[in-house]
PDB file of N, CA and C in Angstrom:
ATOM      1  N   MET A   1     -23.825   2.074   9.178  1.00  0.00           N
ATOM      2  CA  MET A   1     -22.499   1.933   9.767  1.00  0.00           C
ATOM      3  C   MET A   1     -21.455   2.504   8.816  1.00  0.00           C
ATOM      4  N   SER A   2     -20.553   3.278   9.341  1.00  0.00           N
ATOM      5  CA  SER A   2     -19.511   3.902   8.530  1.00  0.00           C
ATOM      6  C   SER A   2     -18.447   2.878   8.131  1.00  0.00           C
ATOM      7  N   ARG A   3     -17.999   2.971   6.901  1.00  0.00           N
ATOM      8  CA  ARG A   3     -16.976   2.059   6.395  1.00  0.00           C
ATOM      9  C   ARG A   3     -15.572   2.538   6.724  1.00  0.00           C
ATOM     10  N   ILE A   4     -15.466   3.773   7.222  1.00  0.00           N
ATOM     11  CA  ILE A   4     -14.165   4.326   7.570  1.00  0.00           C
ATOM     12  C   ILE A   4     -14.288   5.041   8.913  1.00  0.00           C
ATOM     13  N   SER A   5     -13.354   4.750   9.798  1.00  0.00           N
ATOM     14  CA  SER A   5     -13.424   5.319  11.149  1.00  0.00           C
ATOM     15  C   SER A   5     -12.683   6.652  11.214  1.00  0.00           C
ATOM     16  N   ILE A   6     -12.950   7.368  12.291  1.00  0.00           N
ATOM     17  CA  ILE A   6     -12.262   8.641  12.539  1.00  0.00           C
ATOM     18  C   ILE A   6     -10.758   8.396  12.656  1.00  0.00           C
ATOM     19  N   ASP A   7     -10.374   7.292  13.325  1.00  0.00           N
ATOM     20  CA  ASP A   7      -8.951   6.967  13.472  1.00  0.00           C
ATOM     21  C   ASP A   7      -8.299   6.704  12.116  1.00  0.00           C
ATOM     22  N   GLN A   8      -9.024   6.054  11.219  1.00  0.00           N
ATOM     23  CA  GLN A   8      -8.474   5.805   9.882  1.00  0.00           C
ATOM     24  C   GLN A   8      -8.290   7.109   9.109  1.00  0.00           C
ATOM     25  N   VAL A   9      -9.227   8.028   9.258  1.00  0.00           N
ATOM     26  CA  VAL A   9      -9.114   9.335   8.600  1.00  0.00           C
ATOM     27  C   VAL A   9      -7.892  10.065   9.132  1.00  0.00           C
ATOM     28  N   LYS A  10      -7.709  10.043  10.459  1.00  0.00           N
ATOM     29  CA  LYS A  10      -6.544  10.695  11.064  1.00  0.00           C
ATOM     30  C   LYS A  10      -5.246  10.043  10.587  1.00  0.00           C
ATOM     31  N   HIS A  11      -5.260   8.717  10.466  1.00  0.00           N
ATOM     32  CA  HIS A  11      -4.071   7.995  10.005  1.00  0.00           C
ATOM     33  C   HIS A  11      -3.725   8.398   8.567  1.00  0.00           C
ATOM     34  N   VAL A  12      -4.720   8.448   7.702  1.00  0.00           N
ATOM     35  CA  VAL A  12      -4.491   8.841   6.312  1.00  0.00           C
ATOM     36  C   VAL A  12      -4.011  10.290   6.242  1.00  0.00           C
ATOM     37  N   ALA A  13      -4.589  11.150   7.042  1.00  0.00           N
ATOM     38  CA  ALA A  13      -4.163  12.558   7.075  1.00  0.00           C
ATOM     39  C   ALA A  13      -2.709  12.649   7.527  1.00  0.00           C
ATOM     40  N   ASN A  14      -2.342  11.852   8.505  1.00  0.00           N
ATOM     41  CA  ASN A  14      -0.960  11.837   8.987  1.00  0.00           C
ATOM     42  C   ASN A  14      -0.010  11.348   7.887  1.00  0.00           C
ATOM     43  N   LEU A  15      -0.395  10.292   7.177  1.00  0.00           N
ATOM     44  CA  LEU A  15       0.435   9.782   6.080  1.00  0.00           C
ATOM     45  C   LEU A  15       0.616  10.835   4.989  1.00  0.00           C
ATOM     46  N   ALA A  16      -0.437  11.618   4.750  1.00  0.00           N
ATOM     47  CA  ALA A  16      -0.385  12.673   3.730  1.00  0.00           C
ATOM     48  C   ALA A  16       0.213  13.962   4.279  1.00  0.00           C
ATOM     49  N   ARG A  17       0.613  13.939   5.535  1.00  0.00           N
ATOM     50  CA  ARG A  17       1.187  15.112   6.189  1.00  0.00           C
ATOM     51  C   ARG A  17       0.228  16.298   6.173  1.00  0.00           C
ATOM     52  N   LEU A  18      -1.054  16.010   6.459  1.00  0.00           N
ATOM     53  CA  LEU A  18      -2.086  17.039   6.510  1.00  0.00           C
ATOM     54  C   LEU A  18      -2.467  17.305   7.956  1.00  0.00           C
ATOM     55  N   ALA A  19      -2.539  18.548   8.313  1.00  0.00           N
ATOM     56  CA  ALA A  19      -3.019  18.923   9.644  1.00  0.00           C
ATOM     57  C   ALA A  19      -4.512  19.226   9.510  1.00  0.00           C
ATOM     58  N   ILE A  20      -5.340  18.390  10.141  1.00  0.00           N
ATOM     59  CA  ILE A  20      -6.787  18.598  10.045  1.00  0.00           C
ATOM     60  C   ILE A  20      -7.376  18.703  11.446  1.00  0.00           C
ATOM     61  N   THR A  21      -8.456  19.460  11.542  1.00  0.00           N
ATOM     62  CA  THR A  21      -9.133  19.651  12.822  1.00  0.00           C
ATOM     63  C   THR A  21     -10.090  18.483  13.068  1.00  0.00           C
ATOM     64  N   GLU A  22     -10.618  18.405  14.291  1.00  0.00           N
ATOM     65  CA  GLU A  22     -11.605  17.371  14.616  1.00  0.00           C
ATOM     66  C   GLU A  22     -12.853  17.530  13.742  1.00  0.00           C
ATOM     67  N   GLU A  23     -13.234  18.781  13.499  1.00  0.00           N
ATOM     68  CA  GLU A  23     -14.406  19.049  12.652  1.00  0.00           C
ATOM     69  C   GLU A  23     -14.161  18.535  11.231  1.00  0.00           C
ATOM     70  N   ASP A  24     -12.958  18.818  10.707  1.00  0.00           N
ATOM     71  CA  ASP A  24     -12.614  18.335   9.367  1.00  0.00           C
ATOM     72  C   ASP A  24     -12.564  16.818   9.322  1.00  0.00           C
ATOM     73  N   THR A  25     -12.073  16.199  10.405  1.00  0.00           N
ATOM     74  CA  THR A  25     -11.979  14.743  10.464  1.00  0.00           C
ATOM     75  C   THR A  25     -13.348  14.104  10.295  1.00  0.00           C
ATOM     76  N   GLU A  26     -14.332  14.634  10.981  1.00  0.00           N
ATOM     77  CA  GLU A  26     -15.694  14.093  10.875  1.00  0.00           C
ATOM     78  C   GLU A  26     -16.266  14.331   9.474  1.00  0.00           C
ATOM     79  N   LYS A  27     -16.020  15.523   8.938  1.00  0.00           N
ATOM     80  CA  LYS A  27     -16.519  15.848   7.596  1.00  0.00           C
ATOM     81  C   LYS A  27     -15.876  14.915   6.556  1.00  0.00           C
ATOM     82  N   PHE A  28     -14.557  14.712   6.660  1.00  0.00           N
ATOM     83  CA  PHE A  28     -13.865  13.854   5.700  1.00  0.00           C
ATOM     84  C   PHE A  28     -14.292  12.398   5.842  1.00  0.00           C
ATOM     85  N   ALA A  29     -14.575  11.974   7.069  1.00  0.00           N
ATOM     86  CA  ALA A  29     -15.044  10.601   7.285  1.00  0.00           C
ATOM     87  C   ALA A  29     -16.358  10.372   6.540  1.00  0.00           C
ATOM     88  N   LYS A  30     -17.261  11.343   6.619  1.00  0.00           N
ATOM     89  CA  LYS A  30     -18.538  11.219   5.912  1.00  0.00           C
ATOM     90  C   LYS A  30     -18.332  11.237   4.391  1.00  0.00           C
ATOM     91  N   GLN A  31     -17.453  12.126   3.930  1.00  0.00           N
ATOM     92  CA  GLN A  31     -17.203  12.216   2.489  1.00  0.00           C
ATOM     93  C   GLN A  31     -16.528  10.948   1.964  1.00  0.00           C
ATOM     94  N   LEU A  32     -15.560  10.437   2.708  1.00  0.00           N
ATOM     95  CA  LEU A  32     -14.874   9.212   2.277  1.00  0.00           C
ATOM     96  C   LEU A  32     -15.821   8.020   2.303  1.00  0.00           C
ATOM     97  N   ASP A  33     -16.721   7.984   3.285  1.00  0.00           N
ATOM     98  CA  ASP A  33     -17.706   6.913   3.350  1.00  0.00           C
ATOM     99  C   ASP A  33     -18.622   6.950   2.126  1.00  0.00           C
ATOM    100  N   ALA A  34     -19.006   8.161   1.708  1.00  0.00           N
ATOM    101  CA  ALA A  34     -19.843   8.293   0.506  1.00  0.00           C
ATOM    102  C   ALA A  34     -19.092   7.814  -0.734  1.00  0.00           C
ATOM    103  N   MET A  35     -17.791   8.116  -0.811  1.00  0.00           N
ATOM    104  CA  MET A  35     -16.996   7.661  -1.959  1.00  0.00           C
ATOM    105  C   MET A  35     -16.877   6.140  -1.976  1.00  0.00           C
ATOM    106  N   ILE A  36     -16.674   5.548  -0.804  1.00  0.00           N
ATOM    107  CA  ILE A  36     -16.575   4.090  -0.714  1.00  0.00           C
ATOM    108  C   ILE A  36     -17.904   3.455  -1.126  1.00  0.00           C
ATOM    109  N   SER A  37     -19.013   4.036  -0.695  1.00  0.00           N
ATOM    110  CA  SER A  37     -20.338   3.513  -1.080  1.00  0.00           C
ATOM    111  C   SER A  37     -20.510   3.559  -2.592  1.00  0.00           C
ATOM    112  N   PHE A  38     -20.099   4.658  -3.192  1.00  0.00           N
ATOM    113  CA  PHE A  38     -20.217   4.780  -4.638  1.00  0.00           C
ATOM    114  C   PHE A  38     -19.346   3.737  -5.340  1.00  0.00           C
ATOM    115  N   ALA A  39     -18.125   3.539  -4.866  1.00  0.00           N
ATOM    116  CA  ALA A  39     -17.221   2.566  -5.479  1.00  0.00           C
ATOM    117  C   ALA A  39     -17.740   1.139  -5.308  1.00  0.00           C
ATOM    118  N   GLU A  40     -18.422   0.872  -4.198  1.00  0.00           N
ATOM    119  CA  GLU A  40     -18.956  -0.473  -3.967  1.00  0.00           C
ATOM    120  C   GLU A  40     -20.051  -0.847  -4.967  1.00  0.00           C
ATOM    121  N   GLN A  41     -20.649   0.143  -5.600  1.00  0.00           N
ATOM    122  CA  GLN A  41     -21.655  -0.146  -6.625  1.00  0.00           C
ATOM    123  C   GLN A  41     -21.053  -0.925  -7.789  1.00  0.00           C
ATOM    124  N   LEU A  42     -19.769  -0.789  -7.985  1.00  0.00           N
ATOM    125  CA  LEU A  42     -19.111  -1.521  -9.077  1.00  0.00           C
ATOM    126  C   LEU A  42     -19.156  -3.023  -8.857  1.00  0.00           C
ATOM    127  N   ASN A  43     -19.271  -3.470  -7.595  1.00  0.00           N
ATOM    128  CA  ASN A  43     -19.367  -4.895  -7.302  1.00  0.00           C
ATOM    129  C   ASN A  43     -20.662  -5.493  -7.842  1.00  0.00           C
ATOM    130  N   GLU A  44     -21.664  -4.661  -8.102  1.00  0.00           N
ATOM    131  CA  GLU A  44     -22.955  -5.139  -8.586  1.00  0.00           C
ATOM    132  C   GLU A  44     -22.981  -5.320 -10.103  1.00  0.00           C
ATOM    133  N   VAL A  45     -21.970  -4.813 -10.797  1.00  0.00           N
ATOM    134  CA  VAL A  45     -21.929  -4.897 -12.256  1.00  0.00           C
ATOM    135  C   VAL A  45     -21.529  -6.305 -12.679  1.00  0.00           C
ATOM    136  N   ASP A  46     -22.283  -6.886 -13.633  1.00  0.00           N
ATOM    137  CA  ASP A  46     -21.975  -8.215 -14.144  1.00  0.00           C
ATOM    138  C   ASP A  46     -20.817  -8.098 -15.143  1.00  0.00           C
ATOM    139  N   THR A  47     -19.671  -8.646 -14.765  1.00  0.00           N
ATOM    140  CA  THR A  47     -18.494  -8.575 -15.630  1.00  0.00           C
ATOM    141  C   THR A  47     -18.088  -9.945 -16.159  1.00  0.00           C
ATOM    142  N   ASP A  48     -18.981 -10.934 -16.079  1.00  0.00           N
ATOM    143  CA  ASP A  48     -18.670 -12.259 -16.613  1.00  0.00           C
ATOM    144  C   ASP A  48     -18.456 -12.164 -18.115  1.00  0.00           C
ATOM    145  N   GLY A  49     -17.383 -12.749 -18.583  1.00  0.00           N
ATOM    146  CA  GLY A  49     -17.088 -12.754 -20.008  1.00  0.00           C
ATOM    147  C   GLY A  49     -16.460 -11.468 -20.526  1.00  0.00           C
ATOM    148  N   VAL A  50     -16.159 -10.533 -19.654  1.00  0.00           N
ATOM    149  CA  VAL A  50     -15.539  -9.275 -20.074  1.00  0.00           C
ATOM    150  C   VAL A  50     -14.048  -9.368 -19.788  1.00  0.00           C
ATOM    151  N   GLU A  51     -13.254  -9.221 -20.845  1.00  0.00           N
ATOM    152  CA  GLU A  51     -11.802  -9.295 -20.662  1.00  0.00           C
ATOM    153  C   GLU A  51     -11.294  -8.016 -19.995  1.00  0.00           C
ATOM    154  N   PRO A  52     -10.323  -8.162 -19.093  1.00  0.00           N
ATOM    155  CA  PRO A  52      -9.724  -6.966 -18.483  1.00  0.00           C
ATOM    156  C   PRO A  52      -9.027  -6.124 -19.550  1.00  0.00           C
ATOM    157  N   THR A  53      -9.205  -4.816 -19.487  1.00  0.00           N
ATOM    158  CA  THR A  53      -8.576  -3.917 -20.452  1.00  0.00           C
ATOM    159  C   THR A  53      -8.051  -2.677 -19.741  1.00  0.00           C
ATOM    160  N   SER A  54      -7.167  -1.988 -20.413  1.00  0.00           N
ATOM    161  CA  SER A  54      -6.687  -0.721 -19.875  1.00  0.00           C
ATOM    162  C   SER A  54      -7.358   0.449 -20.584  1.00  0.00           C
ATOM    163  N   HIS A  55      -8.027   0.169 -21.728  1.00  0.00           N
ATOM    164  CA  HIS A  55      -8.746   1.191 -22.481  1.00  0.00           C
ATOM    165  C   HIS A  55     -10.088   0.614 -22.923  1.00  0.00           C
ATOM    166  N   VAL A  56     -11.074   1.463 -23.069  1.00  0.00           N
ATOM    167  CA  VAL A  56     -12.369   0.976 -23.523  1.00  0.00           C
ATOM    168  C   VAL A  56     -12.360   0.697 -25.018  1.00  0.00           C
ATOM    169  N   LEU A  57     -11.444   1.317 -25.729  1.00  0.00           N
ATOM    170  CA  LEU A  57     -11.320   1.085 -27.156  1.00  0.00           C
ATOM    171  C   LEU A  57     -10.106   0.223 -27.437  1.00  0.00           C
ATOM    172  N   HIS A  58     -10.185  -0.608 -28.480  1.00  0.00           N
ATOM    173  CA  HIS A  58      -9.035  -1.426 -28.851  1.00  0.00           C
ATOM    174  C   HIS A  58      -7.956  -0.501 -29.404  1.00  0.00           C
ATOM    175  N   MET A  59      -6.831  -0.475 -28.736  1.00  0.00           N
ATOM    176  CA  MET A  59      -5.754   0.413 -29.160  1.00  0.00           C
ATOM    177  C   MET A  59      -4.459  -0.382 -29.268  1.00  0.00           C
ATOM    178  N   LYS A  60      -3.608   0.043 -30.175  1.00  0.00           N
ATOM    179  CA  LYS A  60      -2.274  -0.530 -30.242  1.00  0.00           C
ATOM    180  C   LYS A  60      -1.329   0.580 -30.666  1.00  0.00           C
ATOM    181  N   ASN A  61      -0.091   0.430 -30.290  1.00  0.00           N
ATOM    182  CA  ASN A  61       0.896   1.434 -30.645  1.00  0.00           C
ATOM    183  C   ASN A  61       1.229   1.330 -32.123  1.00  0.00           C
ATOM    184  N   VAL A  62       1.212   2.446 -32.799  1.00  0.00           N
ATOM    185  CA  VAL A  62       1.612   2.506 -34.195  1.00  0.00           C
ATOM    186  C   VAL A  62       2.902   3.302 -34.217  1.00  0.00           C
ATOM    187  N   MET A  63       3.976   2.603 -34.552  1.00  0.00           N
ATOM    188  CA  MET A  63       5.273   3.255 -34.530  1.00  0.00           C
ATOM    189  C   MET A  63       5.922   3.153 -35.903  1.00  0.00           C
ATOM    190  N   ARG A  64       6.672   4.164 -36.201  1.00  0.00           N
ATOM    191  CA  ARG A  64       7.407   4.131 -37.456  1.00  0.00           C
ATOM    192  C   ARG A  64       8.631   3.255 -37.277  1.00  0.00           C
ATOM    193  N   GLU A  65       9.154   2.785 -38.367  1.00  0.00           N
ATOM    194  CA  GLU A  65      10.370   1.995 -38.310  1.00  0.00           C
ATOM    195  C   GLU A  65      11.523   2.897 -37.878  1.00  0.00           C
ATOM    196  N   ASP A  66      12.360   2.392 -37.008  1.00  0.00           N
ATOM    197  CA  ASP A  66      13.482   3.170 -36.495  1.00  0.00           C
ATOM    198  C   ASP A  66      14.645   3.063 -37.471  1.00  0.00           C
ATOM    199  N   ILE A  67      14.844   4.132 -38.248  1.00  0.00           N
ATOM    200  CA  ILE A  67      15.906   4.144 -39.254  1.00  0.00           C
ATOM    201  C   ILE A  67      16.942   5.186 -38.822  1.00  0.00           C
ATOM    202  N   PRO A  68      18.194   4.759 -38.592  1.00  0.00           N
ATOM    203  CA  PRO A  68      19.222   5.728 -38.205  1.00  0.00           C
ATOM    204  C   PRO A  68      19.458   6.736 -39.324  1.00  0.00           C
ATOM    205  N   GLN A  69      19.613   7.986 -38.934  1.00  0.00           N
ATOM    206  CA  GLN A  69      19.901   9.040 -39.896  1.00  0.00           C
ATOM    207  C   GLN A  69      21.031   9.897 -39.363  1.00  0.00           C
ATOM    208  N   VAL A  70      21.711  10.564 -40.260  1.00  0.00           N
ATOM    209  CA  VAL A  70      22.791  11.445 -39.874  1.00  0.00           C
ATOM    210  C   VAL A  70      22.197  12.696 -39.240  1.00  0.00           C
ATOM    211  N   GLY A  71      22.732  13.085 -38.077  1.00  0.00           N
ATOM    212  CA  GLY A  71      22.243  14.260 -37.382  1.00  0.00           C
ATOM    213  C   GLY A  71      22.953  15.519 -37.856  1.00  0.00           C
ATOM    214  N   LEU A  72      22.663  16.609 -37.193  1.00  0.00           N
ATOM    215  CA  LEU A  72      23.297  17.876 -37.527  1.00  0.00           C
ATOM    216  C   LEU A  72      24.766  17.848 -37.127  1.00  0.00           C
ATOM    217  N   PRO A  73      25.601  18.548 -37.857  1.00  0.00           N
ATOM    218  CA  PRO A  73      26.999  18.659 -37.440  1.00  0.00           C
ATOM    219  C   PRO A  73      27.084  19.399 -36.103  1.00  0.00           C
ATOM    220  N   GLN A  74      28.055  19.012 -35.278  1.00  0.00           N
ATOM    221  CA  GLN A  74      28.193  19.602 -33.947  1.00  0.00           C
ATOM    222  C   GLN A  74      28.368  21.116 -34.024  1.00  0.00           C
ATOM    223  N   SER A  75      29.073  21.604 -35.012  1.00  0.00           N
ATOM    224  CA  SER A  75      29.291  23.051 -35.126  1.00  0.00           C
ATOM    225  C   SER A  75      27.974  23.800 -35.344  1.00  0.00           C
ATOM    226  N   ASP A  76      27.045  23.216 -36.122  1.00  0.00           N
ATOM    227  CA  ASP A  76      25.740  23.856 -36.337  1.00  0.00           C
ATOM    228  C   ASP A  76      24.912  23.877 -35.058  1.00  0.00           C
ATOM    229  N   VAL A  77      24.963  22.791 -34.304  1.00  0.00           N
ATOM    230  CA  VAL A  77      24.205  22.716 -33.058  1.00  0.00           C
ATOM    231  C   VAL A  77      24.743  23.738 -32.059  1.00  0.00           C
ATOM    232  N   LEU A  78      26.065  23.789 -31.913  1.00  0.00           N
ATOM    233  CA  LEU A  78      26.660  24.708 -30.940  1.00  0.00           C
ATOM    234  C   LEU A  78      26.487  26.164 -31.350  1.00  0.00           C
ATOM    235  N   ARG A  79      26.338  26.420 -32.633  1.00  0.00           N
ATOM    236  CA  ARG A  79      26.131  27.792 -33.102  1.00  0.00           C
ATOM    237  C   ARG A  79      24.800  28.340 -32.583  1.00  0.00           C
ATOM    238  N   ASN A  80      23.802  27.470 -32.381  1.00  0.00           N
ATOM    239  CA  ASN A  80      22.491  27.894 -31.882  1.00  0.00           C
ATOM    240  C   ASN A  80      22.409  27.906 -30.353  1.00  0.00           C
ATOM    241  N   ALA A  81      23.398  27.324 -29.680  1.00  0.00           N
ATOM    242  CA  ALA A  81      23.369  27.265 -28.215  1.00  0.00           C
ATOM    243  C   ALA A  81      23.793  28.611 -27.631  1.00  0.00           C
ATOM    244  N   PRO A  82      23.097  29.077 -26.580  1.00  0.00           N
ATOM    245  CA  PRO A  82      23.468  30.352 -25.982  1.00  0.00           C
ATOM    246  C   PRO A  82      24.852  30.299 -25.321  1.00  0.00           C
ATOM    247  N   ASP A  83      25.260  29.126 -24.830  1.00  0.00           N
ATOM    248  CA  ASP A  83      26.564  28.987 -24.200  1.00  0.00           C
ATOM    249  C   ASP A  83      27.040  27.551 -24.391  1.00  0.00           C
ATOM    250  N   HIS A  84      28.325  27.387 -24.675  1.00  0.00           N
ATOM    251  CA  HIS A  84      28.876  26.039 -24.826  1.00  0.00           C
ATOM    252  C   HIS A  84      30.327  26.024 -24.384  1.00  0.00           C
ATOM    253  N   GLN A  85      30.794  24.804 -24.075  1.00  0.00           N
ATOM    254  CA  GLN A  85      32.162  24.637 -23.593  1.00  0.00           C
ATOM    255  C   GLN A  85      32.619  23.225 -23.933  1.00  0.00           C
ATOM    256  N   ASP A  86      33.795  23.096 -24.502  1.00  0.00           N
ATOM    257  CA  ASP A  86      34.402  21.803 -24.848  1.00  0.00           C
ATOM    258  C   ASP A  86      33.462  20.928 -25.693  1.00  0.00           C
ATOM    259  N   GLY A  87      32.752  21.530 -26.633  1.00  0.00           N
ATOM    260  CA  GLY A  87      31.881  20.766 -27.518  1.00  0.00           C
ATOM    261  C   GLY A  87      30.561  20.346 -26.887  1.00  0.00           C
ATOM    262  N   GLN A  88      30.231  20.885 -25.722  1.00  0.00           N
ATOM    263  CA  GLN A  88      28.996  20.543 -25.016  1.00  0.00           C
ATOM    264  C   GLN A  88      28.170  21.809 -24.822  1.00  0.00           C
ATOM    265  N   ILE A  89      26.841  21.665 -24.828  1.00  0.00           N
ATOM    266  CA  ILE A  89      25.958  22.791 -24.528  1.00  0.00           C
ATOM    267  C   ILE A  89      26.008  23.010 -23.014  1.00  0.00           C
ATOM    268  N   LYS A  90      26.262  24.225 -22.605  1.00  0.00           N
ATOM    269  CA  LYS A  90      26.383  24.552 -21.185  1.00  0.00           C
ATOM    270  C   LYS A  90      25.044  25.112 -20.697  1.00  0.00           C
ATOM    271  N   VAL A  91      24.554  24.536 -19.607  1.00  0.00           N
ATOM    272  CA  VAL A  91      23.275  24.974 -19.026  1.00  0.00           C
ATOM    273  C   VAL A  91      23.509  25.409 -17.584  1.00  0.00           C
ATOM    274  N   PRO A  92      22.588  26.209 -17.036  1.00  0.00           N
ATOM    275  CA  PRO A  92      22.759  26.634 -15.635  1.00  0.00           C
ATOM    276  C   PRO A  92      22.716  25.423 -14.688  1.00  0.00           C
ATOM    277  N   SER A  93      23.525  25.487 -13.652  1.00  0.00           N
ATOM    278  CA  SER A  93      23.556  24.423 -12.652  1.00  0.00           C
ATOM    279  C   SER A  93      22.271  24.443 -11.838  1.00  0.00           C
ATOM    280  N   ILE A  94      21.739  23.256 -11.547  1.00  0.00           N
ATOM    281  CA  ILE A  94      20.535  23.177 -10.714  1.00  0.00           C
ATOM    282  C   ILE A  94      20.860  22.602  -9.346  1.00  0.00           C
ATOM    283  N   MET A  95      22.083  22.139  -9.169  1.00  0.00           N
ATOM    284  CA  MET A  95      22.511  21.579  -7.878  1.00  0.00           C
ATOM    285  C   MET A  95      23.772  22.299  -7.428  1.00  0.00           C
ATOM    286  N   GLU A  96      23.897  22.437  -6.132  1.00  0.00           N
ATOM    287  CA  GLU A  96      25.086  23.096  -5.601  1.00  0.00           C
ATOM    288  C   GLU A  96      26.164  22.075  -5.311  1.00  0.00           C
TER     289      GLU A  96
END
């Protein structure tokens, strides 16, 4: 028995704004069913005593201490800018 119906495949395709043929719908239904079967194998894994993690290795963020420092003078920064106006770096507009 298929775990995903043709109607569900069409619904997902519609949500993704995909135009698919009837032939593709049947093919995708079979492929999605195979993926669901593979994912269901995870239910057979014994996870008792295993803490939930986001990484398989123990990781933690190593950050340097945030120490304020004096930046470059504005005149030096603007000297490297291809275009500037009123003390600001001028960039091409991306919105009309």
